[in-house]
Amino acid sequence: MVLGMNAISELLLERREEAALSQRAVARKLGVSPQTYVWWERGAVTPKATAAGELAEWLGLTKGDILVALGILEPGETIVRREGERIS
C-alpha cells in the first residue's frame, strides 16, 4: 500500500471519527501533544519517523506503509538491522 501525507491525514480523521474519540484522546493514545495531532490530521505537519509504530498500530497499517508515506522508504524497500545495531 502506498500512501501520501494527505492519505495519512484522511485516515487519521476517519479512524478518529470511527472510534468516536476527540483529537485530544487520540493524541494521548499516540503519545503526542493535542496540537501536534491536530496538525497531523490537517496535513499541516508531517509526523516524524519515530511516530511510525504508533501511527501504524492506530491506523491498522504496517510501519513500512507509514515510512513510505513519510518519504523515508521507497515502496518495496525494507530496513535491515545489523547485528547489535539498535534502531529507535
PDB file of N, CA and C in Angstrom:
ATOM      1  N   MET A   1       0.849  -1.178   0.000  1.00  0.00           N
ATOM      2  CA  MET A   1       0.000   0.000   0.000  1.00  0.00           C
ATOM      3  C   MET A   1       0.891   1.237   0.000  1.00  0.00           C
ATOM      4  N   VAL A   2       0.645   2.149  -0.919  1.00  0.00           N
ATOM      5  CA  VAL A   2       1.419   3.383  -0.984  1.00  0.00           C
ATOM      6  C   VAL A   2       0.504   4.534  -0.613  1.00  0.00           C
ATOM      7  N   LEU A   3       0.898   5.255   0.422  1.00  0.00           N
ATOM      8  CA  LEU A   3       0.096   6.372   0.917  1.00  0.00           C
ATOM      9  C   LEU A   3       0.883   7.653   0.820  1.00  0.00           C
ATOM     10  N   GLY A   4       0.199   8.740   0.647  1.00  0.00           N
ATOM     11  CA  GLY A   4       0.818  10.056   0.732  1.00  0.00           C
ATOM     12  C   GLY A   4       0.383  10.713   2.025  1.00  0.00           C
ATOM     13  N   MET A   5       0.952  11.882   2.313  1.00  0.00           N
ATOM     14  CA  MET A   5       0.602  12.569   3.556  1.00  0.00           C
ATOM     15  C   MET A   5      -0.881  12.884   3.642  1.00  0.00           C
ATOM     16  N   ASN A   6      -1.512  13.292   2.525  1.00  0.00           N
ATOM     17  CA  ASN A   6      -2.939  13.581   2.589  1.00  0.00           C
ATOM     18  C   ASN A   6      -3.713  12.335   2.973  1.00  0.00           C
ATOM     19  N   ALA A   7      -3.258  11.177   2.484  1.00  0.00           N
ATOM     20  CA  ALA A   7      -3.930   9.928   2.825  1.00  0.00           C
ATOM     21  C   ALA A   7      -3.807   9.654   4.321  1.00  0.00           C
ATOM     22  N   ILE A   8      -2.644   9.906   4.899  1.00  0.00           N
ATOM     23  CA  ILE A   8      -2.481   9.688   6.336  1.00  0.00           C
ATOM     24  C   ILE A   8      -3.399  10.632   7.105  1.00  0.00           C
ATOM     25  N   SER A   9      -3.452  11.879   6.701  1.00  0.00           N
ATOM     26  CA  SER A   9      -4.328  12.847   7.362  1.00  0.00           C
ATOM     27  C   SER A   9      -5.779  12.388   7.299  1.00  0.00           C
ATOM     28  N   GLU A  10      -6.196  11.962   6.116  1.00  0.00           N
ATOM     29  CA  GLU A  10      -7.572  11.491   5.942  1.00  0.00           C
ATOM     30  C   GLU A  10      -7.838  10.243   6.775  1.00  0.00           C
ATOM     31  N   LEU A  11      -6.875   9.323   6.803  1.00  0.00           N
ATOM     32  CA  LEU A  11      -7.048   8.108   7.602  1.00  0.00           C
ATOM     33  C   LEU A  11      -7.125   8.422   9.093  1.00  0.00           C
ATOM     34  N   LEU A  12      -6.312   9.379   9.549  1.00  0.00           N
ATOM     35  CA  LEU A  12      -6.373   9.771  10.961  1.00  0.00           C
ATOM     36  C   LEU A  12      -7.758  10.296  11.314  1.00  0.00           C
ATOM     37  N   LEU A  13      -8.294  11.164  10.479  1.00  0.00           N
ATOM     38  CA  LEU A  13      -9.627  11.729  10.722  1.00  0.00           C
ATOM     39  C   LEU A  13     -10.684  10.630  10.692  1.00  0.00           C
ATOM     40  N   GLU A  14     -10.638   9.777   9.667  1.00  0.00           N
ATOM     41  CA  GLU A  14     -11.607   8.673   9.550  1.00  0.00           C
ATOM     42  C   GLU A  14     -11.568   7.767  10.767  1.00  0.00           C
ATOM     43  N   ARG A  15     -10.363   7.336  11.134  1.00  0.00           N
ATOM     44  CA  ARG A  15     -10.191   6.408  12.252  1.00  0.00           C
ATOM     45  C   ARG A  15     -10.670   7.036  13.552  1.00  0.00           C
ATOM     46  N   ARG A  16     -10.368   8.321  13.754  1.00  0.00           N
ATOM     47  CA  ARG A  16     -10.794   9.006  14.984  1.00  0.00           C
ATOM     48  C   ARG A  16     -12.313   9.102  15.043  1.00  0.00           C
ATOM     49  N   GLU A  17     -12.930   9.440  13.913  1.00  0.00           N
ATOM     50  CA  GLU A  17     -14.394   9.540  13.885  1.00  0.00           C
ATOM     51  C   GLU A  17     -15.048   8.183  14.101  1.00  0.00           C
ATOM     52  N   GLU A  18     -14.476   7.122  13.502  1.00  0.00           N
ATOM     53  CA  GLU A  18     -14.999   5.762  13.710  1.00  0.00           C
ATOM     54  C   GLU A  18     -14.946   5.375  15.183  1.00  0.00           C
ATOM     55  N   ALA A  19     -13.862   5.780  15.847  1.00  0.00           N
ATOM     56  CA  ALA A  19     -13.682   5.439  17.259  1.00  0.00           C
ATOM     57  C   ALA A  19     -14.441   6.399  18.181  1.00  0.00           C
ATOM     58  N   ALA A  20     -15.037   7.441  17.605  1.00  0.00           N
ATOM     59  CA  ALA A  20     -15.781   8.452  18.371  1.00  0.00           C
ATOM     60  C   ALA A  20     -14.926   9.052  19.491  1.00  0.00           C
ATOM     61  N   LEU A  21     -13.683   9.402  19.124  1.00  0.00           N
ATOM     62  CA  LEU A  21     -12.765   9.984  20.097  1.00  0.00           C
ATOM     63  C   LEU A  21     -12.458  11.431  19.737  1.00  0.00           C
ATOM     64  N   SER A  22     -12.092  12.196  20.741  1.00  0.00           N
ATOM     65  CA  SER A  22     -11.661  13.571  20.497  1.00  0.00           C
ATOM     66  C   SER A  22     -10.218  13.560  19.985  1.00  0.00           C
ATOM     67  N   GLN A  23      -9.810  14.666  19.402  1.00  0.00           N
ATOM     68  CA  GLN A  23      -8.431  14.786  18.955  1.00  0.00           C
ATOM     69  C   GLN A  23      -7.484  14.653  20.147  1.00  0.00           C
ATOM     70  N   ARG A  24      -7.871  15.223  21.276  1.00  0.00           N
ATOM     71  CA  ARG A  24      -7.052  15.135  22.491  1.00  0.00           C
ATOM     72  C   ARG A  24      -6.867  13.678  22.928  1.00  0.00           C
ATOM     73  N   ALA A  25      -7.937  12.888  22.863  1.00  0.00           N
ATOM     74  CA  ALA A  25      -7.860  11.478  23.275  1.00  0.00           C
ATOM     75  C   ALA A  25      -6.927  10.690  22.352  1.00  0.00           C
ATOM     76  N   VAL A  26      -7.011  10.941  21.055  1.00  0.00           N
ATOM     77  CA  VAL A  26      -6.134  10.238  20.109  1.00  0.00           C
ATOM     78  C   VAL A  26      -4.689  10.674  20.321  1.00  0.00           C
ATOM     79  N   ALA A  27      -4.491  11.956  20.557  1.00  0.00           N
ATOM     80  CA  ALA A  27      -3.131  12.458  20.822  1.00  0.00           C
ATOM     81  C   ALA A  27      -2.526  11.718  22.010  1.00  0.00           C
ATOM     82  N   ARG A  28      -3.305  11.530  23.059  1.00  0.00           N
ATOM     83  CA  ARG A  28      -2.818  10.782  24.231  1.00  0.00           C
ATOM     84  C   ARG A  28      -2.446   9.359  23.847  1.00  0.00           C
ATOM     85  N   LYS A  29      -3.300   8.700  23.060  1.00  0.00           N
ATOM     86  CA  LYS A  29      -3.019   7.318  22.622  1.00  0.00           C
ATOM     87  C   LYS A  29      -1.716   7.238  21.835  1.00  0.00           C
ATOM     88  N   LEU A  30      -1.458   8.273  21.018  1.00  0.00           N
ATOM     89  CA  LEU A  30      -0.269   8.273  20.171  1.00  0.00           C
ATOM     90  C   LEU A  30       0.951   8.851  20.870  1.00  0.00           C
ATOM     91  N   GLY A  31       0.758   9.412  22.061  1.00  0.00           N
ATOM     92  CA  GLY A  31       1.889   9.960  22.815  1.00  0.00           C
ATOM     93  C   GLY A  31       2.408  11.280  22.282  1.00  0.00           C
ATOM     94  N   VAL A  32       1.513  12.085  21.699  1.00  0.00           N
ATOM     95  CA  VAL A  32       1.896  13.403  21.190  1.00  0.00           C
ATOM     96  C   VAL A  32       0.987  14.462  21.801  1.00  0.00           C
ATOM     97  N   SER A  33       1.381  15.719  21.639  1.00  0.00           N
ATOM     98  CA  SER A  33       0.546  16.800  22.155  1.00  0.00           C
ATOM     99  C   SER A  33      -0.712  16.917  21.297  1.00  0.00           C
ATOM    100  N   PRO A  34      -1.800  17.421  21.875  1.00  0.00           N
ATOM    101  CA  PRO A  34      -3.015  17.623  21.081  1.00  0.00           C
ATOM    102  C   PRO A  34      -2.769  18.518  19.867  1.00  0.00           C
ATOM    103  N   GLN A  35      -1.958  19.547  20.023  1.00  0.00           N
ATOM    104  CA  GLN A  35      -1.667  20.452  18.917  1.00  0.00           C
ATOM    105  C   GLN A  35      -0.953  19.721  17.778  1.00  0.00           C
ATOM    106  N   THR A  36       0.005  18.867  18.131  1.00  0.00           N
ATOM    107  CA  THR A  36       0.718  18.083  17.114  1.00  0.00           C
ATOM    108  C   THR A  36      -0.261  17.202  16.354  1.00  0.00           C
ATOM    109  N   TYR A  37      -1.139  16.522  17.093  1.00  0.00           N
ATOM    110  CA  TYR A  37      -2.112  15.647  16.430  1.00  0.00           C
ATOM    111  C   TYR A  37      -3.007  16.436  15.470  1.00  0.00           C
ATOM    112  N   VAL A  38      -3.478  17.587  15.917  1.00  0.00           N
ATOM    113  CA  VAL A  38      -4.332  18.419  15.060  1.00  0.00           C
ATOM    114  C   VAL A  38      -3.588  18.764  13.774  1.00  0.00           C
ATOM    115  N   TRP A  39      -2.336  19.137  13.869  1.00  0.00           N
ATOM    116  CA  TRP A  39      -1.540  19.457  12.685  1.00  0.00           C
ATOM    117  C   TRP A  39      -1.422  18.252  11.758  1.00  0.00           C
ATOM    118  N   TRP A  40      -1.202  17.053  12.334  1.00  0.00           N
ATOM    119  CA  TRP A  40      -1.128  15.838  11.521  1.00  0.00           C
ATOM    120  C   TRP A  40      -2.444  15.618  10.788  1.00  0.00           C
ATOM    121  N   GLU A  41      -3.553  15.705  11.528  1.00  0.00           N
ATOM    122  CA  GLU A  41      -4.863  15.432  10.956  1.00  0.00           C
ATOM    123  C   GLU A  41      -5.201  16.425   9.848  1.00  0.00           C
ATOM    124  N   ARG A  42      -4.743  17.648   9.986  1.00  0.00           N
ATOM    125  CA  ARG A  42      -4.980  18.670   8.952  1.00  0.00           C
ATOM    126  C   ARG A  42      -3.983  18.571   7.803  1.00  0.00           C
ATOM    127  N   GLY A  43      -2.924  17.786   7.976  1.00  0.00           N
ATOM    128  CA  GLY A  43      -1.904  17.648   6.950  1.00  0.00           C
ATOM    129  C   GLY A  43      -0.930  18.818   6.919  1.00  0.00           C
ATOM    130  N   ALA A  44      -0.940  19.629   7.985  1.00  0.00           N
ATOM    131  CA  ALA A  44      -0.067  20.804   8.039  1.00  0.00           C
ATOM    132  C   ALA A  44       1.357  20.444   8.432  1.00  0.00           C
ATOM    133  N   VAL A  45       1.522  19.349   9.158  1.00  0.00           N
ATOM    134  CA  VAL A  45       2.833  18.908   9.628  1.00  0.00           C
ATOM    135  C   VAL A  45       2.963  17.416   9.360  1.00  0.00           C
ATOM    136  N   THR A  46       4.144  17.005   8.948  1.00  0.00           N
ATOM    137  CA  THR A  46       4.430  15.592   8.705  1.00  0.00           C
ATOM    138  C   THR A  46       4.881  14.929   9.999  1.00  0.00           C
ATOM    139  N   PRO A  47       4.273  13.804  10.362  1.00  0.00           N
ATOM    140  CA  PRO A  47       4.746  13.095  11.559  1.00  0.00           C
ATOM    141  C   PRO A  47       6.204  12.673  11.385  1.00  0.00           C
ATOM    142  N   LYS A  48       6.925  12.628  12.498  1.00  0.00           N
ATOM    143  CA  LYS A  48       8.310  12.149  12.468  1.00  0.00           C
ATOM    144  C   LYS A  48       8.320  10.630  12.373  1.00  0.00           C
ATOM    145  N   ALA A  49       9.419  10.104  11.866  1.00  0.00           N
ATOM    146  CA  ALA A  49       9.553   8.651  11.708  1.00  0.00           C
ATOM    147  C   ALA A  49       9.400   7.923  13.041  1.00  0.00           C
ATOM    148  N   THR A  50       9.761   8.578  14.137  1.00  0.00           N
ATOM    149  CA  THR A  50       9.653   7.933  15.449  1.00  0.00           C
ATOM    150  C   THR A  50       8.205   7.638  15.831  1.00  0.00           C
ATOM    151  N   ALA A  51       7.256   8.266  15.148  1.00  0.00           N
ATOM    152  CA  ALA A  51       5.834   8.026  15.429  1.00  0.00           C
ATOM    153  C   ALA A  51       5.261   6.908  14.563  1.00  0.00           C
ATOM    154  N   ALA A  52       6.077   6.335  13.692  1.00  0.00           N
ATOM    155  CA  ALA A  52       5.578   5.341  12.730  1.00  0.00           C
ATOM    156  C   ALA A  52       4.906   4.153  13.400  1.00  0.00           C
ATOM    157  N   GLY A  53       5.485   3.649  14.472  1.00  0.00           N
ATOM    158  CA  GLY A  53       4.917   2.483  15.144  1.00  0.00           C
ATOM    159  C   GLY A  53       3.534   2.752  15.701  1.00  0.00           C
ATOM    160  N   GLU A  54       3.399   3.870  16.390  1.00  0.00           N
ATOM    161  CA  GLU A  54       2.108   4.226  16.982  1.00  0.00           C
ATOM    162  C   GLU A  54       1.077   4.522  15.892  1.00  0.00           C
ATOM    163  N   LEU A  55       1.504   5.251  14.853  1.00  0.00           N
ATOM    164  CA  LEU A  55       0.589   5.552  13.755  1.00  0.00           C
ATOM    165  C   LEU A  55       0.143   4.269  13.055  1.00  0.00           C
ATOM    166  N   ALA A  56       1.080   3.376  12.798  1.00  0.00           N
ATOM    167  CA  ALA A  56       0.757   2.113  12.123  1.00  0.00           C
ATOM    168  C   ALA A  56      -0.265   1.322  12.934  1.00  0.00           C
ATOM    169  N   GLU A  57      -0.024   1.208  14.224  1.00  0.00           N
ATOM    170  CA  GLU A  57      -0.942   0.460  15.082  1.00  0.00           C
ATOM    171  C   GLU A  57      -2.327   1.108  15.083  1.00  0.00           C
ATOM    172  N   TRP A  58      -2.386   2.418  15.245  1.00  0.00           N
ATOM    173  CA  TRP A  58      -3.654   3.142  15.303  1.00  0.00           C
ATOM    174  C   TRP A  58      -4.416   3.032  13.975  1.00  0.00           C
ATOM    175  N   LEU A  59      -3.710   3.110  12.851  1.00  0.00           N
ATOM    176  CA  LEU A  59      -4.353   3.096  11.537  1.00  0.00           C
ATOM    177  C   LEU A  59      -4.534   1.697  10.962  1.00  0.00           C
ATOM    178  N   GLY A  60      -3.962   0.691  11.615  1.00  0.00           N
ATOM    179  CA  GLY A  60      -4.081  -0.671  11.109  1.00  0.00           C
ATOM    180  C   GLY A  60      -3.217  -0.920   9.883  1.00  0.00           C
ATOM    181  N   LEU A  61      -2.076  -0.239   9.816  1.00  0.00           N
ATOM    182  CA  LEU A  61      -1.135  -0.389   8.710  1.00  0.00           C
ATOM    183  C   LEU A  61       0.179  -0.945   9.241  1.00  0.00           C
ATOM    184  N   THR A  62       1.125  -1.172   8.347  1.00  0.00           N
ATOM    185  CA  THR A  62       2.446  -1.597   8.787  1.00  0.00           C
ATOM    186  C   THR A  62       3.336  -0.372   8.974  1.00  0.00           C
ATOM    187  N   LYS A  63       4.402  -0.539   9.748  1.00  0.00           N
ATOM    188  CA  LYS A  63       5.375   0.543   9.896  1.00  0.00           C
ATOM    189  C   LYS A  63       5.952   0.912   8.534  1.00  0.00           C
ATOM    190  N   GLY A  64       6.171  -0.096   7.701  1.00  0.00           N
ATOM    191  CA  GLY A  64       6.691   0.142   6.366  1.00  0.00           C
ATOM    192  C   GLY A  64       5.779   1.052   5.552  1.00  0.00           C
ATOM    193  N   ASP A  65       4.460   0.811   5.630  1.00  0.00           N
ATOM    194  CA  ASP A  65       3.499   1.668   4.921  1.00  0.00           C
ATOM    195  C   ASP A  65       3.641   3.121   5.367  1.00  0.00           C
ATOM    196  N   ILE A  66       3.771   3.320   6.674  1.00  0.00           N
ATOM    197  CA  ILE A  66       3.890   4.679   7.218  1.00  0.00           C
ATOM    198  C   ILE A  66       5.211   5.307   6.765  1.00  0.00           C
ATOM    199  N   LEU A  67       6.309   4.550   6.840  1.00  0.00           N
ATOM    200  CA  LEU A  67       7.609   5.092   6.445  1.00  0.00           C
ATOM    201  C   LEU A  67       7.663   5.433   4.952  1.00  0.00           C
ATOM    202  N   VAL A  68       6.965   4.673   4.133  1.00  0.00           N
ATOM    203  CA  VAL A  68       6.876   5.005   2.705  1.00  0.00           C
ATOM    204  C   VAL A  68       6.077   6.297   2.544  1.00  0.00           C
ATOM    205  N   ALA A  69       4.961   6.403   3.252  1.00  0.00           N
ATOM    206  CA  ALA A  69       4.124   7.602   3.164  1.00  0.00           C
ATOM    207  C   ALA A  69       4.880   8.847   3.621  1.00  0.00           C
ATOM    208  N   LEU A  70       5.789   8.676   4.563  1.00  0.00           N
ATOM    209  CA  LEU A  70       6.571   9.798   5.067  1.00  0.00           C
ATOM    210  C   LEU A  70       7.777  10.107   4.181  1.00  0.00           C
ATOM    211  N   GLY A  71       8.004   9.277   3.158  1.00  0.00           N
ATOM    212  CA  GLY A  71       9.111   9.503   2.239  1.00  0.00           C
ATOM    213  C   GLY A  71      10.451   9.012   2.750  1.00  0.00           C
ATOM    214  N   ILE A  72      10.431   8.210   3.799  1.00  0.00           N
ATOM    215  CA  ILE A  72      11.666   7.696   4.389  1.00  0.00           C
ATOM    216  C   ILE A  72      12.129   6.438   3.656  1.00  0.00           C
ATOM    217  N   LEU A  73      11.180   5.628   3.226  1.00  0.00           N
ATOM    218  CA  LEU A  73      11.477   4.427   2.445  1.00  0.00           C
ATOM    219  C   LEU A  73      10.819   4.548   1.081  1.00  0.00           C
ATOM    220  N   GLU A  74      11.407   3.874   0.106  1.00  0.00           N
ATOM    221  CA  GLU A  74      10.783   3.744  -1.208  1.00  0.00           C
ATOM    222  C   GLU A  74       9.861   2.527  -1.147  1.00  0.00           C
ATOM    223  N   PRO A  75       8.788   2.515  -1.957  1.00  0.00           N
ATOM    224  CA  PRO A  75       7.929   1.323  -1.982  1.00  0.00           C
ATOM    225  C   PRO A  75       8.759   0.068  -2.245  1.00  0.00           C
ATOM    226  N   GLY A  76       8.542  -0.964  -1.443  1.00  0.00           N
ATOM    227  CA  GLY A  76       9.272  -2.216  -1.583  1.00  0.00           C
ATOM    228  C   GLY A  76      10.576  -2.275  -0.814  1.00  0.00           C
ATOM    229  N   GLU A  77      11.062  -1.133  -0.325  1.00  0.00           N
ATOM    230  CA  GLU A  77      12.310  -1.087   0.434  1.00  0.00           C
ATOM    231  C   GLU A  77      12.030  -1.488   1.889  1.00  0.00           C
ATOM    232  N   THR A  78      13.005  -2.123   2.517  1.00  0.00           N
ATOM    233  CA  THR A  78      12.862  -2.508   3.922  1.00  0.00           C
ATOM    234  C   THR A  78      14.069  -2.037   4.716  1.00  0.00           C
ATOM    235  N   ILE A  79      13.903  -2.002   6.025  1.00  0.00           N
ATOM    236  CA  ILE A  79      15.002  -1.650   6.921  1.00  0.00           C
ATOM    237  C   ILE A  79      15.614  -2.948   7.419  1.00  0.00           C
ATOM    238  N   VAL A  80      16.920  -3.058   7.293  1.00  0.00           N
ATOM    239  CA  VAL A  80      17.629  -4.232   7.785  1.00  0.00           C
ATOM    240  C   VAL A  80      18.514  -3.786   8.929  1.00  0.00           C
ATOM    241  N   ARG A  81      18.397  -4.460  10.036  1.00  0.00           N
ATOM    242  CA  ARG A  81      19.205  -4.125  11.198  1.00  0.00           C
ATOM    243  C   ARG A  81      20.411  -5.045  11.243  1.00  0.00           C
ATOM    244  N   ARG A  82      21.581  -4.442  11.431  1.00  0.00           N
ATOM    245  CA  ARG A  82      22.808  -5.231  11.586  1.00  0.00           C
ATOM    246  C   ARG A  82      22.853  -5.768  13.003  1.00  0.00           C
ATOM    247  N   GLU A  83      23.544  -6.873  13.159  1.00  0.00           N
ATOM    248  CA  GLU A  83      23.665  -7.489  14.471  1.00  0.00           C
ATOM    249  C   GLU A  83      24.234  -6.478  15.478  1.00  0.00           C
ATOM    250  N   GLY A  84      23.555  -6.337  16.593  1.00  0.00           N
ATOM    251  CA  GLY A  84      23.999  -5.422  17.638  1.00  0.00           C
ATOM    252  C   GLY A  84      23.573  -3.976  17.422  1.00  0.00           C
ATOM    253  N   GLU A  85      23.057  -3.659  16.250  1.00  0.00           N
ATOM    254  CA  GLU A  85      22.635  -2.292  15.965  1.00  0.00           C
ATOM    255  C   GLU A  85      21.223  -2.067  16.518  1.00  0.00           C
ATOM    256  N   ARG A  86      21.038  -0.900  17.083  1.00  0.00           N
ATOM    257  CA  ARG A  86      19.746  -0.578  17.662  1.00  0.00           C
ATOM    258  C   ARG A  86      19.033   0.436  16.761  1.00  0.00           C
ATOM    259  N   ILE A  87      17.813   0.156  16.405  1.00  0.00           N
ATOM    260  CA  ILE A  87      17.011   1.086  15.615  1.00  0.00           C
ATOM    261  C   ILE A  87      15.981   1.687  16.548  1.00  0.00           C
ATOM    262  N   SER A  88      15.972   3.022  16.638  1.00  0.00           N
ATOM    263  CA  SER A  88      14.986   3.643  17.522  1.00  0.00           C
ATOM    264  C   SER A  88      14.135   4.623  16.772  1.00  0.00           C
TER     265      SER A  88
END
